[in-house]
Amino acid sequence: MRYSILIVESDAPRRQAWEEAILKAATVHNIAITVTTARSATVAQFQAGHKQFHLLVASLSEGGVGLAGRLRARAPHLRALLFHPSAVSADDLRDARWLGYTLASEPEDLGALVEAVGRALGLPLADDPDSLGRPPATLRDVEMLLDVLRWQTKAQLVLYTDYIGNTIACRGDPANLDLGAITSLIAGSFVNSFELGRALRDPNTRYLNLVEGEHFDVYATNAGNHRLLALIFDKEFINPKLGYVWLQLKRSATQLCQMRIVEGSVGDVISAELTASLNTEFDRLFGNDLLEV
């Protein structure tokens, strides 16, 4: 999965520094990101007409709200991170929040910028102490959890996606189903729900989306603010019960939220984390001595 970011900033050195900082953080955390920069809203609109973006980074005080609205008319899944000065009016902040945009004070340094971008996208671009405290989980661990959920509910298919419908893991038999269309539509159905939580200033909410059909039932919920978990039932074989399915779906979503998903095998993960830990400890114990030598 590759994420695309559009930065609108009139100051050229600052624009370049932001781009380099985001790309460097993405490389460190092994996340595929492309960054496009624009010096004005006009240029940004032209670029958005030729490419889909996942996140807009702009200034609230320089027409960022209007630009975000115009770009969202083309791409409903677009997220917007709007930086504002400390002296911004409460009315401007309120209006932007009601539209569901992520707000942050103008970054004082590149670290603050990277942290804000990562938070807006739901990606670990900056080290999160809470996340680092969790044991690492590989994609295989996620698949095992989905297998258990599928067995418990007797679902035909279990889908775990990001907030724009890109599949992270899929377990079960897709048969002749168009998974690309299904995941995209499930993600689209949650857009308003997430924005409602933002507007209410209560982003940590749980949503349940249920579609009952003649042949298929679909249950979906959010696993945090940036992931979705869905079950698809073939009613020829099973007639799911709402209460039981919702209970199991909610439990699994909570477990997924508690996972720190990393790439590679368990051995690779342990080796990388042990190496990083040792390097940190060597720097702490001998850093000054090594520099003097």
C-alpha atoms as a PDB file:
ATOM      1  CA  MET A   1       0.000   0.000   0.000  1.00  0.00           C
ATOM      2  CA  ARG A   2       1.403   3.366  -1.061  1.00  0.00           C
ATOM      3  CA  TYR A   3       0.069   6.562   0.496  1.00  0.00           C
ATOM      4  CA  SER A   4       0.050   9.845  -1.414  1.00  0.00           C
ATOM      5  CA  ILE A   5       0.403  13.193   0.356  1.00  0.00           C
ATOM      6  CA  LEU A   6      -0.161  16.636  -1.150  1.00  0.00           C
ATOM      7  CA  ILE A   7       1.592  19.517   0.655  1.00  0.00           C
ATOM      8  CA  VAL A   8       0.564  23.104  -0.057  1.00  0.00           C
ATOM      9  CA  GLU A   9       3.130  25.599   1.243  1.00  0.00           C
ATOM     10  CA  SER A  10       4.199  28.904  -0.296  1.00  0.00           C
ATOM     11  CA  ASP A  11       7.678  28.941   1.276  1.00  0.00           C
ATOM     12  CA  ALA A  12       9.956  26.846  -0.960  1.00  0.00           C
ATOM     13  CA  PRO A  13      12.656  25.898   1.614  1.00  0.00           C
ATOM     14  CA  ARG A  14       9.997  24.930   4.147  1.00  0.00           C
ATOM     15  CA  ARG A  15       8.114  22.941   1.516  1.00  0.00           C
ATOM     16  CA  GLN A  16      11.247  20.996   0.604  1.00  0.00           C
ATOM     17  CA  ALA A  17      12.194  20.374   4.238  1.00  0.00           C
ATOM     18  CA  TRP A  18       8.707  19.003   4.988  1.00  0.00           C
ATOM     19  CA  GLU A  19       8.851  16.677   2.011  1.00  0.00           C
ATOM     20  CA  GLU A  20      12.282  15.337   2.959  1.00  0.00           C
ATOM     21  CA  ALA A  21      11.314  14.833   6.616  1.00  0.00           C
ATOM     22  CA  ILE A  22       8.186  12.842   5.735  1.00  0.00           C
ATOM     23  CA  LEU A  23      10.007  10.662   3.211  1.00  0.00           C
ATOM     24  CA  LYS A  24      12.845  10.010   5.673  1.00  0.00           C
ATOM     25  CA  ALA A  25      10.400   8.967   8.403  1.00  0.00           C
ATOM     26  CA  ALA A  26       8.550   6.740   5.948  1.00  0.00           C
ATOM     27  CA  THR A  27      11.799   5.010   4.993  1.00  0.00           C
ATOM     28  CA  VAL A  28      12.764   4.447   8.629  1.00  0.00           C
ATOM     29  CA  HIS A  29       9.373   2.879   9.391  1.00  0.00           C
ATOM     30  CA  ASN A  30       9.225   0.945   6.092  1.00  0.00           C
ATOM     31  CA  ILE A  31       6.081   2.722   4.853  1.00  0.00           C
ATOM     32  CA  ALA A  32       5.530   3.481   1.172  1.00  0.00           C
ATOM     33  CA  ILE A  33       4.717   7.175   0.781  1.00  0.00           C
ATOM     34  CA  THR A  34       4.889   9.606  -2.120  1.00  0.00           C
ATOM     35  CA  VAL A  35       4.864  13.355  -1.500  1.00  0.00           C
ATOM     36  CA  THR A  36       3.739  15.983  -3.997  1.00  0.00           C
ATOM     37  CA  THR A  37       4.260  19.647  -3.186  1.00  0.00           C
ATOM     38  CA  ALA A  38       2.484  22.753  -4.442  1.00  0.00           C
ATOM     39  CA  ARG A  39       3.223  26.421  -3.855  1.00  0.00           C
ATOM     40  CA  SER A  40      -0.428  27.483  -4.048  1.00  0.00           C
ATOM     41  CA  ALA A  41      -4.005  26.200  -3.924  1.00  0.00           C
ATOM     42  CA  THR A  42      -4.309  26.688  -7.682  1.00  0.00           C
ATOM     43  CA  VAL A  43      -1.348  24.440  -8.389  1.00  0.00           C
ATOM     44  CA  ALA A  44      -2.640  21.905  -5.845  1.00  0.00           C
ATOM     45  CA  GLN A  45      -6.023  21.714  -7.588  1.00  0.00           C
ATOM     46  CA  PHE A  46      -4.306  21.116 -10.922  1.00  0.00           C
ATOM     47  CA  GLN A  47      -2.216  18.298  -9.454  1.00  0.00           C
ATOM     48  CA  ALA A  48      -5.256  16.741  -7.759  1.00  0.00           C
ATOM     49  CA  GLY A  49      -6.957  16.624 -11.136  1.00  0.00           C
ATOM     50  CA  HIS A  50      -4.323  14.185 -12.358  1.00  0.00           C
ATOM     51  CA  LYS A  51      -3.638  12.135  -9.236  1.00  0.00           C
ATOM     52  CA  GLN A  52      -5.526  10.771  -6.212  1.00  0.00           C
ATOM     53  CA  PHE A  53      -4.218  11.790  -2.802  1.00  0.00           C
ATOM     54  CA  HIS A  54      -4.851  10.308   0.635  1.00  0.00           C
ATOM     55  CA  LEU A  55      -3.890  13.392   2.657  1.00  0.00           C
ATOM     56  CA  LEU A  56      -3.817  17.127   2.072  1.00  0.00           C
ATOM     57  CA  VAL A  57      -1.442  19.164   4.254  1.00  0.00           C
ATOM     58  CA  ALA A  58      -2.186  22.890   4.121  1.00  0.00           C
ATOM     59  CA  SER A  59      -2.620  26.036   6.198  1.00  0.00           C
ATOM     60  CA  LEU A  60      -6.001  26.782   7.732  1.00  0.00           C
ATOM     61  CA  SER A  61      -5.410  30.515   7.453  1.00  0.00           C
ATOM     62  CA  GLU A  62      -4.498  30.397   3.746  1.00  0.00           C
ATOM     63  CA  GLY A  63      -7.688  28.918   2.352  1.00  0.00           C
ATOM     64  CA  GLY A  64      -7.015  25.351   3.461  1.00  0.00           C
ATOM     65  CA  VAL A  65     -10.657  24.659   4.344  1.00  0.00           C
ATOM     66  CA  GLY A  66     -11.920  25.748   0.939  1.00  0.00           C
ATOM     67  CA  LEU A  67      -9.208  23.793  -0.877  1.00  0.00           C
ATOM     68  CA  ALA A  68      -9.914  20.647   1.154  1.00  0.00           C
ATOM     69  CA  GLY A  69     -13.624  20.943   0.332  1.00  0.00           C
ATOM     70  CA  ARG A  70     -12.977  21.246  -3.399  1.00  0.00           C
ATOM     71  CA  LEU A  71     -10.591  18.289  -3.426  1.00  0.00           C
ATOM     72  CA  ARG A  72     -12.980  16.178  -1.358  1.00  0.00           C
ATOM     73  CA  ALA A  73     -15.688  16.728  -3.956  1.00  0.00           C
ATOM     74  CA  ARG A  74     -13.474  14.682  -6.297  1.00  0.00           C
ATOM     75  CA  ALA A  75     -12.110  12.221  -3.732  1.00  0.00           C
ATOM     76  CA  PRO A  76     -14.418  11.625  -0.710  1.00  0.00           C
ATOM     77  CA  HIS A  77     -11.754   9.567   1.070  1.00  0.00           C
ATOM     78  CA  LEU A  78      -9.282  12.459   1.154  1.00  0.00           C
ATOM     79  CA  ARG A  79      -8.153  13.478   4.618  1.00  0.00           C
ATOM     80  CA  ALA A  80      -6.978  16.988   5.425  1.00  0.00           C
ATOM     81  CA  LEU A  81      -4.411  18.130   7.971  1.00  0.00           C
ATOM     82  CA  LEU A  82      -4.704  21.884   8.467  1.00  0.00           C
ATOM     83  CA  PHE A  83      -2.081  23.796  10.431  1.00  0.00           C
ATOM     84  CA  HIS A  84      -3.180  26.937  12.238  1.00  0.00           C
ATOM     85  CA  PRO A  85      -1.382  29.752  14.109  1.00  0.00           C
ATOM     86  CA  SER A  86      -1.858  30.156  17.821  1.00  0.00           C
ATOM     87  CA  ALA A  87      -3.910  33.321  17.266  1.00  0.00           C
ATOM     88  CA  VAL A  88      -6.575  31.672  15.074  1.00  0.00           C
ATOM     89  CA  SER A  89     -10.183  32.443  15.988  1.00  0.00           C
ATOM     90  CA  ALA A  90     -12.335  29.913  17.802  1.00  0.00           C
ATOM     91  CA  ASP A  91     -14.958  30.184  15.040  1.00  0.00           C
ATOM     92  CA  ASP A  92     -12.475  29.123  12.352  1.00  0.00           C
ATOM     93  CA  LEU A  93     -11.393  26.138  14.428  1.00  0.00           C
ATOM     94  CA  ARG A  94     -14.988  25.139  15.116  1.00  0.00           C
ATOM     95  CA  ASP A  95     -15.970  25.325  11.455  1.00  0.00           C
ATOM     96  CA  ALA A  96     -13.006  23.197  10.394  1.00  0.00           C
ATOM     97  CA  ARG A  97     -13.754  20.614  13.072  1.00  0.00           C
ATOM     98  CA  TRP A  98     -17.374  20.348  11.979  1.00  0.00           C
ATOM     99  CA  LEU A  99     -16.143  19.543   8.484  1.00  0.00           C
ATOM    100  CA  GLY A 100     -14.101  16.685   9.932  1.00  0.00           C
ATOM    101  CA  TYR A 101     -10.611  18.015   9.227  1.00  0.00           C
ATOM    102  CA  THR A 102      -7.603  17.264  11.438  1.00  0.00           C
ATOM    103  CA  LEU A 103      -6.251  20.423  13.051  1.00  0.00           C
ATOM    104  CA  ALA A 104      -2.808  21.028  14.517  1.00  0.00           C
ATOM    105  CA  SER A 105      -0.752  24.008  15.588  1.00  0.00           C
ATOM    106  CA  GLU A 106       1.862  25.120  13.099  1.00  0.00           C
ATOM    107  CA  PRO A 107       4.778  22.698  13.625  1.00  0.00           C
ATOM    108  CA  GLU A 108       7.713  24.194  15.468  1.00  0.00           C
ATOM    109  CA  ASP A 109      10.082  21.577  14.086  1.00  0.00           C
ATOM    110  CA  LEU A 110      10.157  18.708  11.605  1.00  0.00           C
ATOM    111  CA  GLY A 111       9.475  16.153  14.333  1.00  0.00           C
ATOM    112  CA  ALA A 112       6.156  17.810  15.139  1.00  0.00           C
ATOM    113  CA  LEU A 113       5.298  17.865  11.439  1.00  0.00           C
ATOM    114  CA  VAL A 114       6.000  14.158  10.987  1.00  0.00           C
ATOM    115  CA  GLU A 115       4.021  13.286  14.106  1.00  0.00           C
ATOM    116  CA  ALA A 116       1.000  15.278  12.900  1.00  0.00           C
ATOM    117  CA  VAL A 117       1.108  13.708   9.424  1.00  0.00           C
ATOM    118  CA  GLY A 118       1.356  10.228  10.891  1.00  0.00           C
ATOM    119  CA  ARG A 119      -1.568  10.892  13.225  1.00  0.00           C
ATOM    120  CA  ALA A 120      -3.709  12.205  10.367  1.00  0.00           C
ATOM    121  CA  LEU A 121      -3.012   9.120   8.249  1.00  0.00           C
ATOM    122  CA  GLY A 122      -3.040   6.628  11.103  1.00  0.00           C
ATOM    123  CA  LEU A 123       0.518   5.572  10.332  1.00  0.00           C
ATOM    124  CA  PRO A 124       3.460   5.088  12.726  1.00  0.00           C
ATOM    125  CA  LEU A 125       5.700   7.753  11.186  1.00  0.00           C
ATOM    126  CA  ALA A 126       6.816   8.927  14.620  1.00  0.00           C
ATOM    127  CA  ASP A 127       7.669   6.620  17.484  1.00  0.00           C
ATOM    128  CA  ASP A 128       4.607   6.119  19.686  1.00  0.00           C
ATOM    129  CA  PRO A 129       5.530   5.057  23.252  1.00  0.00           C
ATOM    130  CA  ASP A 130       2.198   3.290  23.667  1.00  0.00           C
ATOM    131  CA  SER A 131       2.645   1.419  20.410  1.00  0.00           C
ATOM    132  CA  LEU A 132       6.235   0.470  21.163  1.00  0.00           C
ATOM    133  CA  GLY A 133       5.111  -1.074  24.422  1.00  0.00           C
ATOM    134  CA  ARG A 134       2.979  -3.614  22.624  1.00  0.00           C
ATOM    135  CA  PRO A 135       4.415  -6.926  21.441  1.00  0.00           C
ATOM    136  CA  PRO A 136       4.970  -7.032  17.676  1.00  0.00           C
ATOM    137  CA  ALA A 137       2.488  -8.949  15.535  1.00  0.00           C
ATOM    138  CA  THR A 138       3.151 -10.178  12.019  1.00  0.00           C
ATOM    139  CA  LEU A 139       0.652 -10.434   9.203  1.00  0.00           C
ATOM    140  CA  ARG A 140       0.426 -14.151   9.956  1.00  0.00           C
ATOM    141  CA  ASP A 141      -0.702 -13.325  13.499  1.00  0.00           C
ATOM    142  CA  VAL A 142      -3.454 -11.138  12.045  1.00  0.00           C
ATOM    143  CA  GLU A 143      -4.522 -13.908   9.690  1.00  0.00           C
ATOM    144  CA  MET A 144      -4.747 -16.367  12.587  1.00  0.00           C
ATOM    145  CA  LEU A 145      -7.007 -13.957  14.479  1.00  0.00           C
ATOM    146  CA  LEU A 146      -9.220 -13.598  11.398  1.00  0.00           C
ATOM    147  CA  ASP A 147      -9.347 -17.387  11.022  1.00  0.00           C
ATOM    148  CA  VAL A 148     -10.615 -17.714  14.595  1.00  0.00           C
ATOM    149  CA  LEU A 149     -13.241 -15.027  13.995  1.00  0.00           C
ATOM    150  CA  ARG A 150     -14.383 -16.768  10.833  1.00  0.00           C
ATOM    151  CA  TRP A 151     -14.659 -20.103  12.642  1.00  0.00           C
ATOM    152  CA  GLN A 152     -16.605 -18.538  15.532  1.00  0.00           C
ATOM    153  CA  THR A 153     -19.144 -16.791  13.310  1.00  0.00           C
ATOM    154  CA  LYS A 154     -19.228 -19.267  10.379  1.00  0.00           C
ATOM    155  CA  ALA A 155     -18.664 -16.367   7.966  1.00  0.00           C
ATOM    156  CA  GLN A 156     -17.783 -17.064   4.356  1.00  0.00           C
ATOM    157  CA  LEU A 157     -15.247 -14.265   4.283  1.00  0.00           C
ATOM    158  CA  VAL A 158     -13.396 -11.991   6.722  1.00  0.00           C
ATOM    159  CA  LEU A 159     -11.874  -8.738   5.479  1.00  0.00           C
ATOM    160  CA  TYR A 160      -9.437  -6.429   7.251  1.00  0.00           C
ATOM    161  CA  THR A 161      -8.780  -3.190   5.378  1.00  0.00           C
ATOM    162  CA  ASP A 162      -7.521   0.338   5.829  1.00  0.00           C
ATOM    163  CA  TYR A 163      -9.901   3.290   5.923  1.00  0.00           C
ATOM    164  CA  ILE A 164      -9.932   3.707   2.121  1.00  0.00           C
ATOM    165  CA  GLY A 165     -10.628   0.061   1.347  1.00  0.00           C
ATOM    166  CA  ASN A 166      -7.160  -1.365   0.665  1.00  0.00           C
ATOM    167  CA  THR A 167      -7.039  -4.969   1.839  1.00  0.00           C
ATOM    168  CA  ILE A 168      -4.568  -5.750   4.614  1.00  0.00           C
ATOM    169  CA  ALA A 169      -5.693  -9.363   5.147  1.00  0.00           C
ATOM    170  CA  CYS A 170      -8.458 -11.553   3.775  1.00  0.00           C
ATOM    171  CA  ARG A 171      -9.493 -15.008   5.013  1.00  0.00           C
ATOM    172  CA  GLY A 172     -12.087 -17.320   3.570  1.00  0.00           C
ATOM    173  CA  ASP A 173     -13.549 -18.036   0.148  1.00  0.00           C
ATOM    174  CA  PRO A 174     -14.225 -14.961  -2.016  1.00  0.00           C
ATOM    175  CA  ALA A 175     -15.865 -17.141  -4.685  1.00  0.00           C
ATOM    176  CA  ASN A 176     -17.017 -14.810  -7.474  1.00  0.00           C
ATOM    177  CA  LEU A 177     -17.260 -11.698  -5.306  1.00  0.00           C
ATOM    178  CA  ASP A 178     -15.587  -8.483  -6.477  1.00  0.00           C
ATOM    179  CA  LEU A 179     -13.457  -7.827  -3.398  1.00  0.00           C
ATOM    180  CA  GLY A 180     -12.085  -4.547  -4.699  1.00  0.00           C
ATOM    181  CA  ALA A 181     -15.560  -3.075  -5.099  1.00  0.00           C
ATOM    182  CA  ILE A 182     -16.778  -4.539  -1.794  1.00  0.00           C
ATOM    183  CA  THR A 183     -13.906  -3.183   0.322  1.00  0.00           C
ATOM    184  CA  SER A 184     -14.142   0.221  -1.336  1.00  0.00           C
ATOM    185  CA  LEU A 185     -17.902   0.451  -0.686  1.00  0.00           C
ATOM    186  CA  ILE A 186     -17.538  -0.711   2.925  1.00  0.00           C
ATOM    187  CA  ALA A 187     -14.893   1.954   3.504  1.00  0.00           C
ATOM    188  CA  GLY A 188     -17.069   4.568   1.823  1.00  0.00           C
ATOM    189  CA  SER A 189     -19.968   3.758   4.125  1.00  0.00           C
ATOM    190  CA  PHE A 190     -17.828   4.625   7.150  1.00  0.00           C
ATOM    191  CA  VAL A 191     -16.704   8.061   5.947  1.00  0.00           C
ATOM    192  CA  ASN A 192     -19.667   9.913   7.444  1.00  0.00           C
ATOM    193  CA  SER A 193     -19.465   7.888  10.648  1.00  0.00           C
ATOM    194  CA  PHE A 194     -15.849   8.877  11.220  1.00  0.00           C
ATOM    195  CA  GLU A 195     -16.595  12.501  10.437  1.00  0.00           C
ATOM    196  CA  LEU A 196     -19.521  12.413  12.875  1.00  0.00           C
ATOM    197  CA  GLY A 197     -17.145  11.296  15.624  1.00  0.00           C
ATOM    198  CA  ARG A 198     -14.750  14.103  14.745  1.00  0.00           C
ATOM    199  CA  ALA A 199     -17.547  16.670  14.718  1.00  0.00           C
ATOM    200  CA  LEU A 200     -18.653  15.509  18.168  1.00  0.00           C
ATOM    201  CA  ARG A 201     -15.022  15.750  19.325  1.00  0.00           C
ATOM    202  CA  ASP A 202     -15.213  12.082  20.273  1.00  0.00           C
ATOM    203  CA  PRO A 203     -13.038  10.295  17.706  1.00  0.00           C
ATOM    204  CA  ASN A 204     -12.694   7.053  19.688  1.00  0.00           C
ATOM    205  CA  THR A 205     -16.093   5.675  18.754  1.00  0.00           C
ATOM    206  CA  ARG A 206     -17.314   2.290  17.580  1.00  0.00           C
ATOM    207  CA  TYR A 207     -19.541   1.888  14.544  1.00  0.00           C
ATOM    208  CA  LEU A 208     -21.518  -1.080  13.278  1.00  0.00           C
ATOM    209  CA  ASN A 209     -22.647  -1.252   9.667  1.00  0.00           C
ATOM    210  CA  LEU A 210     -25.109  -4.016   8.745  1.00  0.00           C
ATOM    211  CA  VAL A 211     -26.370  -4.837   5.265  1.00  0.00           C
ATOM    212  CA  GLU A 212     -29.005  -7.576   5.054  1.00  0.00           C
ATOM    213  CA  GLY A 213     -29.659  -9.049   1.632  1.00  0.00           C
ATOM    214  CA  GLU A 214     -31.515 -11.957   0.139  1.00  0.00           C
ATOM    215  CA  HIS A 215     -28.355 -13.969  -0.437  1.00  0.00           C
ATOM    216  CA  PHE A 216     -25.657 -12.248   1.611  1.00  0.00           C
ATOM    217  CA  ASP A 217     -25.331 -10.376   4.905  1.00  0.00           C
ATOM    218  CA  VAL A 218     -22.423  -8.006   5.577  1.00  0.00           C
ATOM    219  CA  TYR A 219     -21.347  -6.893   9.044  1.00  0.00           C
ATOM    220  CA  ALA A 220     -18.600  -4.283   9.388  1.00  0.00           C
ATOM    221  CA  THR A 221     -17.038  -2.267  12.187  1.00  0.00           C
ATOM    222  CA  ASN A 222     -14.058   0.002  12.674  1.00  0.00           C
ATOM    223  CA  ALA A 223     -10.911  -1.288  14.343  1.00  0.00           C
ATOM    224  CA  GLY A 224      -9.745   2.040  15.682  1.00  0.00           C
ATOM    225  CA  ASN A 225      -9.927   5.144  13.540  1.00  0.00           C
ATOM    226  CA  HIS A 226      -7.961   3.855  10.590  1.00  0.00           C
ATOM    227  CA  ARG A 227      -8.886   0.204  10.005  1.00  0.00           C
ATOM    228  CA  LEU A 228     -12.087  -1.707   9.189  1.00  0.00           C
ATOM    229  CA  LEU A 229     -13.120  -5.292   9.898  1.00  0.00           C
ATOM    230  CA  ALA A 230     -15.922  -6.936   7.921  1.00  0.00           C
ATOM    231  CA  LEU A 231     -17.705 -10.307   7.772  1.00  0.00           C
ATOM    232  CA  ILE A 232     -19.599 -11.604   4.749  1.00  0.00           C
ATOM    233  CA  PHE A 233     -22.158 -14.387   5.211  1.00  0.00           C
ATOM    234  CA  ASP A 234     -23.642 -16.599   2.509  1.00  0.00           C
ATOM    235  CA  LYS A 235     -27.231 -17.063   3.693  1.00  0.00           C
ATOM    236  CA  GLU A 236     -27.511 -20.343   1.842  1.00  0.00           C
ATOM    237  CA  PHE A 237     -25.363 -21.862   4.575  1.00  0.00           C
ATOM    238  CA  ILE A 238     -25.795 -19.654   7.644  1.00  0.00           C
ATOM    239  CA  ASN A 239     -28.312 -17.160   8.970  1.00  0.00           C
ATOM    240  CA  PRO A 240     -26.217 -15.008  11.348  1.00  0.00           C
ATOM    241  CA  LYS A 241     -27.585 -13.631  14.606  1.00  0.00           C
ATOM    242  CA  LEU A 242     -26.908  -9.926  15.092  1.00  0.00           C
ATOM    243  CA  GLY A 243     -26.086 -10.023  18.799  1.00  0.00           C
ATOM    244  CA  TYR A 244     -23.605 -12.876  18.589  1.00  0.00           C
ATOM    245  CA  VAL A 245     -21.887 -11.646  15.440  1.00  0.00           C
ATOM    246  CA  TRP A 246     -21.565  -8.122  16.813  1.00  0.00           C
ATOM    247  CA  LEU A 247     -20.033  -9.439  20.041  1.00  0.00           C
ATOM    248  CA  GLN A 248     -17.377 -11.482  18.219  1.00  0.00           C
ATOM    249  CA  LEU A 249     -16.722  -8.737  15.684  1.00  0.00           C
ATOM    250  CA  LYS A 250     -16.234  -6.155  18.419  1.00  0.00           C
ATOM    251  CA  ARG A 251     -13.867  -8.419  20.376  1.00  0.00           C
ATOM    252  CA  SER A 252     -11.724  -9.093  17.317  1.00  0.00           C
ATOM    253  CA  ALA A 253     -11.639  -5.415  16.369  1.00  0.00           C
ATOM    254  CA  THR A 254     -10.425  -4.572  19.871  1.00  0.00           C
ATOM    255  CA  GLN A 255      -7.676  -7.200  19.598  1.00  0.00           C
ATOM    256  CA  LEU A 256      -6.570  -5.795  16.247  1.00  0.00           C
ATOM    257  CA  CYS A 257      -6.373  -2.316  17.776  1.00  0.00           C
ATOM    258  CA  GLN A 258      -3.997  -3.662  20.410  1.00  0.00           C
ATOM    259  CA  MET A 259      -1.631  -5.170  17.848  1.00  0.00           C
ATOM    260  CA  ARG A 260       1.482  -3.463  16.577  1.00  0.00           C
ATOM    261  CA  ILE A 261       1.637  -4.969  13.111  1.00  0.00           C
ATOM    262  CA  VAL A 262       5.103  -5.239  11.579  1.00  0.00           C
ATOM    263  CA  GLU A 263       6.448  -6.704   8.382  1.00  0.00           C
ATOM    264  CA  GLY A 264       8.539  -9.833   8.100  1.00  0.00           C
ATOM    265  CA  SER A 265       8.655 -13.116   9.990  1.00  0.00           C
ATOM    266  CA  VAL A 266       8.709 -13.430  13.756  1.00  0.00           C
ATOM    267  CA  GLY A 267      12.441 -14.144  13.622  1.00  0.00           C
ATOM    268  CA  ASP A 268      13.103 -11.053  11.502  1.00  0.00           C
ATOM    269  CA  VAL A 269      11.077  -8.890  13.875  1.00  0.00           C
ATOM    270  CA  ILE A 270      12.837 -10.177  16.995  1.00  0.00           C
ATOM    271  CA  SER A 271      16.255  -9.786  15.344  1.00  0.00           C
ATOM    272  CA  ALA A 272      15.537  -6.218  14.185  1.00  0.00           C
ATOM    273  CA  GLU A 273      14.150  -5.143  17.552  1.00  0.00           C
ATOM    274  CA  LEU A 274      17.035  -6.763  19.431  1.00  0.00           C
ATOM    275  CA  THR A 275      19.543  -4.996  17.182  1.00  0.00           C
ATOM    276  CA  ALA A 276      17.795  -1.651  17.666  1.00  0.00           C
ATOM    277  CA  SER A 277      17.673  -2.198  21.416  1.00  0.00           C
ATOM    278  CA  LEU A 278      21.370  -3.070  21.579  1.00  0.00           C
ATOM    279  CA  ASN A 279      22.314  -0.069  19.446  1.00  0.00           C
ATOM    280  CA  THR A 280      20.330   2.217  21.716  1.00  0.00           C
ATOM    281  CA  GLU A 281      21.975   0.745  24.807  1.00  0.00           C
ATOM    282  CA  PHE A 282      25.473   1.065  23.287  1.00  0.00           C
ATOM    283  CA  ASP A 283      24.771   4.711  22.443  1.00  0.00           C
ATOM    284  CA  ARG A 284      23.545   5.328  25.983  1.00  0.00           C
ATOM    285  CA  LEU A 285      26.552   3.664  27.639  1.00  0.00           C
ATOM    286  CA  PHE A 286      29.403   4.520  25.295  1.00  0.00           C
ATOM    287  CA  GLY A 287      28.131   7.260  23.011  1.00  0.00           C
ATOM    288  CA  ASN A 288      30.382  10.023  24.319  1.00  0.00           C
ATOM    289  CA  ASP A 289      33.436   7.766  24.519  1.00  0.00           C
ATOM    290  CA  LEU A 290      32.944   6.545  20.978  1.00  0.00           C
ATOM    291  CA  LEU A 291      32.665  10.114  19.705  1.00  0.00           C
ATOM    292  CA  GLU A 292      35.890  11.085  21.471  1.00  0.00           C
ATOM    293  CA  VAL A 293      37.765   8.143  19.945  1.00  0.00           C
END
